[in-house]
């Protein structure tokens, strides 16, 4: 399972620079119990310093896709003031 996460101090105004991002948890059954991985997959404070493709600085809304030998993570991105969106893999 991939999910968005934020620190308790994060607001919409500073979501690009505070603790937030994309993380994952796993389970052997759909109903759980789930085990959260201790390290996030992506953190929004890193793209805030150096935007992805020079433009995108917030990562959210991820989906995991099962492939034949591994998993693919699709993550929505936005650019804040430019109001542009993309999907990154």
PDB file of N, CA and C in Angstrom:
ATOM      1  N   UNK A   1       0.843  -1.157   0.000  1.00  0.00           N
ATOM      2  CA  UNK A   1       0.000   0.000   0.000  1.00  0.00           C
ATOM      3  C   UNK A   1       0.898   1.232   0.000  1.00  0.00           C
ATOM      4  N   UNK A   2       0.655   2.158  -0.890  1.00  0.00           N
ATOM      5  CA  UNK A   2       1.341   3.444  -0.899  1.00  0.00           C
ATOM      6  C   UNK A   2       0.380   4.483  -0.342  1.00  0.00           C
ATOM      7  N   UNK A   3       0.921   5.455   0.400  1.00  0.00           N
ATOM      8  CA  UNK A   3       0.048   6.472   0.998  1.00  0.00           C
ATOM      9  C   UNK A   3       0.807   7.787   1.187  1.00  0.00           C
ATOM     10  N   UNK A   4       0.059   8.885   1.268  1.00  0.00           N
ATOM     11  CA  UNK A   4       0.625  10.193   1.574  1.00  0.00           C
ATOM     12  C   UNK A   4       0.831  10.299   3.074  1.00  0.00           C
ATOM     13  N   UNK A   5       1.808  11.058   3.490  1.00  0.00           N
ATOM     14  CA  UNK A   5       2.033  11.292   4.917  1.00  0.00           C
ATOM     15  C   UNK A   5       2.456  12.746   5.119  1.00  0.00           C
ATOM     16  N   UNK A   6       2.158  13.264   6.280  1.00  0.00           N
ATOM     17  CA  UNK A   6       2.579  14.617   6.668  1.00  0.00           C
ATOM     18  C   UNK A   6       2.914  14.618   8.155  1.00  0.00           C
ATOM     19  N   UNK A   7       3.783  15.520   8.540  1.00  0.00           N
ATOM     20  CA  UNK A   7       4.059  15.727   9.951  1.00  0.00           C
ATOM     21  C   UNK A   7       2.929  16.536  10.562  1.00  0.00           C
ATOM     22  N   UNK A   8       2.758  16.447  11.845  1.00  0.00           N
ATOM     23  CA  UNK A   8       1.641  17.134  12.510  1.00  0.00           C
ATOM     24  C   UNK A   8       1.721  18.649  12.391  1.00  0.00           C
ATOM     25  N   UNK A   9       2.901  19.201  12.154  1.00  0.00           N
ATOM     26  CA  UNK A   9       3.056  20.644  12.045  1.00  0.00           C
ATOM     27  C   UNK A   9       2.831  21.179  10.624  1.00  0.00           C
ATOM     28  N   UNK A  10       2.632  20.302   9.651  1.00  0.00           N
ATOM     29  CA  UNK A  10       2.505  20.700   8.253  1.00  0.00           C
ATOM     30  C   UNK A  10       1.152  21.355   7.966  1.00  0.00           C
ATOM     31  N   UNK A  11       1.174  22.434   7.169  1.00  0.00           N
ATOM     32  CA  UNK A  11      -0.044  23.101   6.712  1.00  0.00           C
ATOM     33  C   UNK A  11      -0.024  23.133   5.184  1.00  0.00           C
ATOM     34  N   UNK A  12      -1.151  23.480   4.552  1.00  0.00           N
ATOM     35  CA  UNK A  12      -1.186  23.592   3.089  1.00  0.00           C
ATOM     36  C   UNK A  12      -0.213  24.659   2.601  1.00  0.00           C
ATOM     37  N   UNK A  13       0.004  25.684   3.388  1.00  0.00           N
ATOM     38  CA  UNK A  13       0.896  26.777   2.989  1.00  0.00           C
ATOM     39  C   UNK A  13       2.356  26.322   2.887  1.00  0.00           C
ATOM     40  N   UNK A  14       2.788  25.417   3.770  1.00  0.00           N
ATOM     41  CA  UNK A  14       4.193  25.004   3.773  1.00  0.00           C
ATOM     42  C   UNK A  14       4.413  23.523   3.450  1.00  0.00           C
ATOM     43  N   UNK A  15       3.438  22.887   2.804  1.00  0.00           N
ATOM     44  CA  UNK A  15       3.540  21.444   2.512  1.00  0.00           C
ATOM     45  C   UNK A  15       4.748  21.120   1.627  1.00  0.00           C
ATOM     46  N   UNK A  16       5.215  22.080   0.842  1.00  0.00           N
ATOM     47  CA  UNK A  16       6.363  21.824  -0.040  1.00  0.00           C
ATOM     48  C   UNK A  16       7.690  21.797   0.708  1.00  0.00           C
ATOM     49  N   UNK A  17       7.748  22.420   1.867  1.00  0.00           N
ATOM     50  CA  UNK A  17       9.023  22.533   2.568  1.00  0.00           C
ATOM     51  C   UNK A  17       9.053  21.797   3.901  1.00  0.00           C
ATOM     52  N   UNK A  18       7.933  21.307   4.364  1.00  0.00           N
ATOM     53  CA  UNK A  18       7.884  20.612   5.651  1.00  0.00           C
ATOM     54  C   UNK A  18       7.892  19.114   5.444  1.00  0.00           C
ATOM     55  N   UNK A  19       7.836  18.388   6.524  1.00  0.00           N
ATOM     56  CA  UNK A  19       7.861  16.928   6.472  1.00  0.00           C
ATOM     57  C   UNK A  19       6.557  16.385   5.895  1.00  0.00           C
ATOM     58  N   UNK A  20       6.627  15.896   4.666  1.00  0.00           N
ATOM     59  CA  UNK A  20       5.495  15.244   4.009  1.00  0.00           C
ATOM     60  C   UNK A  20       6.051  14.457   2.830  1.00  0.00           C
ATOM     61  N   UNK A  21       5.221  13.605   2.230  1.00  0.00           N
ATOM     62  CA  UNK A  21       5.678  12.846   1.080  1.00  0.00           C
ATOM     63  C   UNK A  21       4.867  11.584   0.855  1.00  0.00           C
ATOM     64  N   UNK A  22       5.530  10.570   0.309  1.00  0.00           N
ATOM     65  CA  UNK A  22       4.910   9.299  -0.054  1.00  0.00           C
ATOM     66  C   UNK A  22       5.643   8.184   0.691  1.00  0.00           C
ATOM     67  N   UNK A  23       4.889   7.264   1.264  1.00  0.00           N
ATOM     68  CA  UNK A  23       5.474   6.135   1.991  1.00  0.00           C
ATOM     69  C   UNK A  23       4.723   4.856   1.615  1.00  0.00           C
ATOM     70  N   UNK A  24       5.165   3.729   2.185  1.00  0.00           N
ATOM     71  CA  UNK A  24       4.448   2.482   1.914  1.00  0.00           C
ATOM     72  C   UNK A  24       4.438   1.580   3.133  1.00  0.00           C
ATOM     73  N   UNK A  25       3.463   0.685   3.114  1.00  0.00           N
ATOM     74  CA  UNK A  25       3.321  -0.333   4.147  1.00  0.00           C
ATOM     75  C   UNK A  25       2.985  -1.640   3.429  1.00  0.00           C
ATOM     76  N   UNK A  26       3.252  -2.748   4.078  1.00  0.00           N
ATOM     77  CA  UNK A  26       2.971  -4.046   3.459  1.00  0.00           C
ATOM     78  C   UNK A  26       2.239  -4.954   4.440  1.00  0.00           C
ATOM     79  N   UNK A  27       1.557  -5.925   3.858  1.00  0.00           N
ATOM     80  CA  UNK A  27       0.830  -6.913   4.643  1.00  0.00           C
ATOM     81  C   UNK A  27       0.744  -8.200   3.836  1.00  0.00           C
ATOM     82  N   UNK A  28       0.612  -9.294   4.527  1.00  0.00           N
ATOM     83  CA  UNK A  28       0.443 -10.564   3.827  1.00  0.00           C
ATOM     84  C   UNK A  28      -1.003 -10.798   3.442  1.00  0.00           C
ATOM     85  N   UNK A  29      -1.922 -10.003   4.011  1.00  0.00           N
ATOM     86  CA  UNK A  29      -3.358 -10.112   3.698  1.00  0.00           C
ATOM     87  C   UNK A  29      -3.946  -8.713   3.525  1.00  0.00           C
ATOM     88  N   UNK A  30      -4.937  -8.553   2.665  1.00  0.00           N
ATOM     89  CA  UNK A  30      -5.539  -7.219   2.446  1.00  0.00           C
ATOM     90  C   UNK A  30      -6.085  -6.581   3.716  1.00  0.00           C
ATOM     91  N   UNK A  31      -6.583  -7.392   4.643  1.00  0.00           N
ATOM     92  CA  UNK A  31      -7.167  -6.834   5.861  1.00  0.00           C
ATOM     93  C   UNK A  31      -6.116  -6.525   6.939  1.00  0.00           C
ATOM     94  N   UNK A  32      -4.842  -6.790   6.655  1.00  0.00           N
ATOM     95  CA  UNK A  32      -3.774  -6.464   7.599  1.00  0.00           C
ATOM     96  C   UNK A  32      -3.431  -7.628   8.490  1.00  0.00           C
ATOM     97  N   UNK A  33      -2.596  -7.394   9.450  1.00  0.00           N
ATOM     98  CA  UNK A  33      -2.067  -6.101   9.875  1.00  0.00           C
ATOM     99  C   UNK A  33      -0.998  -5.583   8.902  1.00  0.00           C
ATOM    100  N   UNK A  34      -0.888  -4.249   8.802  1.00  0.00           N
ATOM    101  CA  UNK A  34       0.088  -3.607   7.929  1.00  0.00           C
ATOM    102  C   UNK A  34       1.346  -3.245   8.703  1.00  0.00           C
ATOM    103  N   UNK A  35       2.472  -3.297   8.009  1.00  0.00           N
ATOM    104  CA  UNK A  35       3.772  -2.963   8.586  1.00  0.00           C
ATOM    105  C   UNK A  35       4.346  -1.797   7.804  1.00  0.00           C
ATOM    106  N   UNK A  36       4.436  -0.661   8.444  1.00  0.00           N
ATOM    107  CA  UNK A  36       4.937   0.551   7.781  1.00  0.00           C
ATOM    108  C   UNK A  36       6.454   0.468   7.629  1.00  0.00           C
ATOM    109  N   UNK A  37       6.932   0.778   6.420  1.00  0.00           N
ATOM    110  CA  UNK A  37       8.373   0.834   6.199  1.00  0.00           C
ATOM    111  C   UNK A  37       8.922   2.068   6.926  1.00  0.00           C
ATOM    112  N   UNK A  38      10.054   1.955   7.614  1.00  0.00           N
ATOM    113  CA  UNK A  38      10.544   3.062   8.444  1.00  0.00           C
ATOM    114  C   UNK A  38      11.048   4.282   7.670  1.00  0.00           C
ATOM    115  N   UNK A  39      11.348   4.128   6.382  1.00  0.00           N
ATOM    116  CA  UNK A  39      11.865   5.235   5.581  1.00  0.00           C
ATOM    117  C   UNK A  39      10.868   5.557   4.466  1.00  0.00           C
ATOM    118  N   UNK A  40      10.457   6.828   4.306  1.00  0.00           N
ATOM    119  CA  UNK A  40       9.538   7.179   3.224  1.00  0.00           C
ATOM    120  C   UNK A  40      10.158   6.918   1.847  1.00  0.00           C
ATOM    121  N   UNK A  41       9.314   6.683   0.862  1.00  0.00           N
ATOM    122  CA  UNK A  41       9.792   6.517  -0.507  1.00  0.00           C
ATOM    123  C   UNK A  41      10.259   7.868  -1.045  1.00  0.00           C
ATOM    124  N   UNK A  42       9.433   8.886  -0.848  1.00  0.00           N
ATOM    125  CA  UNK A  42       9.718  10.237  -1.333  1.00  0.00           C
ATOM    126  C   UNK A  42       9.400  11.247  -0.251  1.00  0.00           C
ATOM    127  N   UNK A  43      10.214  12.288  -0.171  1.00  0.00           N
ATOM    128  CA  UNK A  43       9.974  13.376   0.786  1.00  0.00           C
ATOM    129  C   UNK A  43       9.801  14.668   0.010  1.00  0.00           C
ATOM    130  N   UNK A  44       8.814  15.464   0.348  1.00  0.00           N
ATOM    131  CA  UNK A  44       8.556  16.712  -0.367  1.00  0.00           C
ATOM    132  C   UNK A  44       9.568  17.809  -0.072  1.00  0.00           C
ATOM    133  N   UNK A  45      10.332  17.705   0.996  1.00  0.00           N
ATOM    134  CA  UNK A  45      11.304  18.755   1.266  1.00  0.00           C
ATOM    135  C   UNK A  45      12.507  18.689   0.319  1.00  0.00           C
ATOM    136  N   UNK A  46      12.803  17.528  -0.269  1.00  0.00           N
ATOM    137  CA  UNK A  46      13.905  17.437  -1.235  1.00  0.00           C
ATOM    138  C   UNK A  46      13.547  18.103  -2.573  1.00  0.00           C
ATOM    139  N   UNK A  47      12.389  17.793  -3.206  1.00  0.00           N
ATOM    140  CA  UNK A  47      12.035  18.495  -4.448  1.00  0.00           C
ATOM    141  C   UNK A  47      11.814  19.995  -4.237  1.00  0.00           C
ATOM    142  N   UNK A  48      11.482  20.408  -3.021  1.00  0.00           N
ATOM    143  CA  UNK A  48      11.307  21.838  -2.758  1.00  0.00           C
ATOM    144  C   UNK A  48      12.628  22.567  -2.943  1.00  0.00           C
ATOM    145  N   UNK A  49      13.740  21.916  -2.597  1.00  0.00           N
ATOM    146  CA  UNK A  49      15.060  22.525  -2.781  1.00  0.00           C
ATOM    147  C   UNK A  49      15.509  22.452  -4.234  1.00  0.00           C
ATOM    148  N   UNK A  50      15.226  21.343  -4.887  1.00  0.00           N
ATOM    149  CA  UNK A  50      15.616  21.153  -6.284  1.00  0.00           C
ATOM    150  C   UNK A  50      14.461  20.467  -7.009  1.00  0.00           C
ATOM    151  N   UNK A  51      13.542  21.252  -7.596  1.00  0.00           N
ATOM    152  CA  UNK A  51      12.329  20.679  -8.207  1.00  0.00           C
ATOM    153  C   UNK A  51      12.635  19.637  -9.281  1.00  0.00           C
ATOM    154  N   UNK A  52      11.777  18.634  -9.357  1.00  0.00           N
ATOM    155  CA  UNK A  52      11.882  17.592 -10.375  1.00  0.00           C
ATOM    156  C   UNK A  52      11.612  18.227 -11.731  1.00  0.00           C
ATOM    157  N   UNK A  53      12.485  17.979 -12.701  1.00  0.00           N
ATOM    158  CA  UNK A  53      12.413  18.571 -14.038  1.00  0.00           C
ATOM    159  C   UNK A  53      12.379  20.103 -13.970  1.00  0.00           C
ATOM    160  N   UNK A  54      12.922  20.650 -12.895  1.00  0.00           N
ATOM    161  CA  UNK A  54      12.976  22.095 -12.738  1.00  0.00           C
ATOM    162  C   UNK A  54      11.653  22.754 -12.417  1.00  0.00           C
ATOM    163  N   UNK A  55      10.587  21.966 -12.178  1.00  0.00           N
ATOM    164  CA  UNK A  55       9.264  22.548 -12.003  1.00  0.00           C
ATOM    165  C   UNK A  55       8.439  21.938 -10.884  1.00  0.00           C
ATOM    166  N   UNK A  56       8.432  20.622 -10.752  1.00  0.00           N
ATOM    167  CA  UNK A  56       7.512  19.939  -9.843  1.00  0.00           C
ATOM    168  C   UNK A  56       8.109  19.791  -8.452  1.00  0.00           C
ATOM    169  N   UNK A  57       7.352  20.208  -7.426  1.00  0.00           N
ATOM    170  CA  UNK A  57       7.918  20.212  -6.086  1.00  0.00           C
ATOM    171  C   UNK A  57       7.031  19.587  -5.011  1.00  0.00           C
ATOM    172  N   UNK A  58       5.933  18.950  -5.382  1.00  0.00           N
ATOM    173  CA  UNK A  58       5.120  18.243  -4.387  1.00  0.00           C
ATOM    174  C   UNK A  58       4.695  16.901  -4.959  1.00  0.00           C
ATOM    175  N   UNK A  59       4.858  15.846  -4.177  1.00  0.00           N
ATOM    176  CA  UNK A  59       4.529  14.486  -4.592  1.00  0.00           C
ATOM    177  C   UNK A  59       3.396  13.977  -3.719  1.00  0.00           C
ATOM    178  N   UNK A  60       2.389  13.358  -4.322  1.00  0.00           N
ATOM    179  CA  UNK A  60       1.215  12.901  -3.567  1.00  0.00           C
ATOM    180  C   UNK A  60       0.412  11.923  -4.419  1.00  0.00           C
ATOM    181  N   UNK A  61      -0.601  11.320  -3.835  1.00  0.00           N
ATOM    182  CA  UNK A  61      -1.566  10.478  -4.557  1.00  0.00           C
ATOM    183  C   UNK A  61      -0.943   9.314  -5.299  1.00  0.00           C
ATOM    184  N   UNK A  62      -0.152   8.505  -4.620  1.00  0.00           N
ATOM    185  CA  UNK A  62       0.550   7.405  -5.285  1.00  0.00           C
ATOM    186  C   UNK A  62      -0.308   6.157  -5.439  1.00  0.00           C
ATOM    187  N   UNK A  63       0.042   5.364  -6.438  1.00  0.00           N
ATOM    188  CA  UNK A  63      -0.605   4.084  -6.705  1.00  0.00           C
ATOM    189  C   UNK A  63       0.471   3.056  -7.011  1.00  0.00           C
ATOM    190  N   UNK A  64       0.349   1.870  -6.445  1.00  0.00           N
ATOM    191  CA  UNK A  64       1.257   0.773  -6.764  1.00  0.00           C
ATOM    192  C   UNK A  64       0.637  -0.097  -7.848  1.00  0.00           C
ATOM    193  N   UNK A  65       1.439  -0.457  -8.845  1.00  0.00           N
ATOM    194  CA  UNK A  65       0.983  -1.308  -9.940  1.00  0.00           C
ATOM    195  C   UNK A  65       1.876  -2.549  -9.972  1.00  0.00           C
ATOM    196  N   UNK A  66       1.256  -3.714  -9.900  1.00  0.00           N
ATOM    197  CA  UNK A  66       2.005  -4.975  -9.940  1.00  0.00           C
ATOM    198  C   UNK A  66       2.430  -5.263 -11.369  1.00  0.00           C
ATOM    199  N   UNK A  67       3.719  -5.542 -11.566  1.00  0.00           N
ATOM    200  CA  UNK A  67       4.232  -5.953 -12.867  1.00  0.00           C
ATOM    201  C   UNK A  67       4.667  -7.410 -12.757  1.00  0.00           C
ATOM    202  N   UNK A  68       5.177  -7.987 -13.824  1.00  0.00           N
ATOM    203  CA  UNK A  68       5.501  -9.415 -13.796  1.00  0.00           C
ATOM    204  C   UNK A  68       6.591  -9.764 -12.786  1.00  0.00           C
ATOM    205  N   UNK A  69       7.578  -8.883 -12.584  1.00  0.00           N
ATOM    206  CA  UNK A  69       8.678  -9.211 -11.673  1.00  0.00           C
ATOM    207  C   UNK A  69       8.869  -8.208 -10.536  1.00  0.00           C
ATOM    208  N   UNK A  70       8.112  -7.119 -10.559  1.00  0.00           N
ATOM    209  CA  UNK A  70       8.285  -6.108  -9.517  1.00  0.00           C
ATOM    210  C   UNK A  70       7.041  -5.230  -9.430  1.00  0.00           C
ATOM    211  N   UNK A  71       7.171  -4.133  -8.724  1.00  0.00           N
ATOM    212  CA  UNK A  71       6.074  -3.183  -8.553  1.00  0.00           C
ATOM    213  C   UNK A  71       6.490  -1.832  -9.119  1.00  0.00           C
ATOM    214  N   UNK A  72       5.534  -1.103  -9.682  1.00  0.00           N
ATOM    215  CA  UNK A  72       5.761   0.240 -10.213  1.00  0.00           C
ATOM    216  C   UNK A  72       4.973   1.225  -9.360  1.00  0.00           C
ATOM    217  N   UNK A  73       5.599   2.295  -8.924  1.00  0.00           N
ATOM    218  CA  UNK A  73       4.938   3.332  -8.134  1.00  0.00           C
ATOM    219  C   UNK A  73       4.679   4.531  -9.029  1.00  0.00           C
ATOM    220  N   UNK A  74       3.404   4.868  -9.217  1.00  0.00           N
ATOM    221  CA  UNK A  74       3.013   6.058  -9.967  1.00  0.00           C
ATOM    222  C   UNK A  74       2.627   7.134  -8.959  1.00  0.00           C
ATOM    223  N   UNK A  75       3.210   8.312  -9.092  1.00  0.00           N
ATOM    224  CA  UNK A  75       3.000   9.378  -8.124  1.00  0.00           C
ATOM    225  C   UNK A  75       2.617  10.662  -8.830  1.00  0.00           C
ATOM    226  N   UNK A  76       1.545  11.298  -8.379  1.00  0.00           N
ATOM    227  CA  UNK A  76       1.162  12.597  -8.917  1.00  0.00           C
ATOM    228  C   UNK A  76       2.099  13.663  -8.381  1.00  0.00           C
ATOM    229  N   UNK A  77       2.360  14.657  -9.195  1.00  0.00           N
ATOM    230  CA  UNK A  77       3.210  15.772  -8.783  1.00  0.00           C
ATOM    231  C   UNK A  77       2.521  17.075  -9.151  1.00  0.00           C
ATOM    232  N   UNK A  78       2.840  18.148  -8.446  1.00  0.00           N
ATOM    233  CA  UNK A  78       2.364  19.465  -8.877  1.00  0.00           C
ATOM    234  C   UNK A  78       3.459  20.486  -8.662  1.00  0.00           C
ATOM    235  N   UNK A  79       3.232  21.657  -9.223  1.00  0.00           N
ATOM    236  CA  UNK A  79       4.270  22.681  -9.210  1.00  0.00           C
ATOM    237  C   UNK A  79       3.879  23.895  -8.385  1.00  0.00           C
ATOM    238  N   UNK A  80       2.867  23.770  -7.548  1.00  0.00           N
ATOM    239  CA  UNK A  80       2.497  24.883  -6.675  1.00  0.00           C
ATOM    240  C   UNK A  80       2.007  26.095  -7.427  1.00  0.00           C
ATOM    241  N   UNK A  81       2.822  27.148  -7.513  1.00  0.00           N
ATOM    242  CA  UNK A  81       2.334  28.396  -8.104  1.00  0.00           C
ATOM    243  C   UNK A  81       2.017  28.315  -9.592  1.00  0.00           C
ATOM    244  N   UNK A  82       2.547  27.318 -10.297  1.00  0.00           N
ATOM    245  CA  UNK A  82       2.287  27.200 -11.727  1.00  0.00           C
ATOM    246  C   UNK A  82       1.029  26.394 -12.041  1.00  0.00           C
ATOM    247  N   UNK A  83       0.468  25.739 -11.034  1.00  0.00           N
ATOM    248  CA  UNK A  83      -0.746  24.929 -11.202  1.00  0.00           C
ATOM    249  C   UNK A  83      -0.619  23.936 -12.347  1.00  0.00           C
ATOM    250  N   UNK A  84       0.492  23.226 -12.391  1.00  0.00           N
ATOM    251  CA  UNK A  84       0.699  22.200 -13.396  1.00  0.00           C
ATOM    252  C   UNK A  84       0.824  20.854 -12.694  1.00  0.00           C
ATOM    253  N   UNK A  85       0.330  19.810 -13.323  1.00  0.00           N
ATOM    254  CA  UNK A  85       0.372  18.478 -12.727  1.00  0.00           C
ATOM    255  C   UNK A  85       1.067  17.508 -13.681  1.00  0.00           C
ATOM    256  N   UNK A  86       1.580  16.418 -13.100  1.00  0.00           N
ATOM    257  CA  UNK A  86       2.226  15.368 -13.891  1.00  0.00           C
ATOM    258  C   UNK A  86       2.135  14.072 -13.115  1.00  0.00           C
ATOM    259  N   UNK A  87       2.481  12.991 -13.756  1.00  0.00           N
ATOM    260  CA  UNK A  87       2.592  11.706 -13.086  1.00  0.00           C
ATOM    261  C   UNK A  87       4.005  11.206 -13.307  1.00  0.00           C
ATOM    262  N   UNK A  88       4.674  10.807 -12.229  1.00  0.00           N
ATOM    263  CA  UNK A  88       6.049  10.327 -12.367  1.00  0.00           C
ATOM    264  C   UNK A  88       6.110   8.862 -11.948  1.00  0.00           C
ATOM    265  N   UNK A  89       7.014   8.153 -12.545  1.00  0.00           N
ATOM    266  CA  UNK A  89       7.199   6.731 -12.237  1.00  0.00           C
ATOM    267  C   UNK A  89       8.604   6.484 -11.772  1.00  0.00           C
TER     268      UNK A  89
END
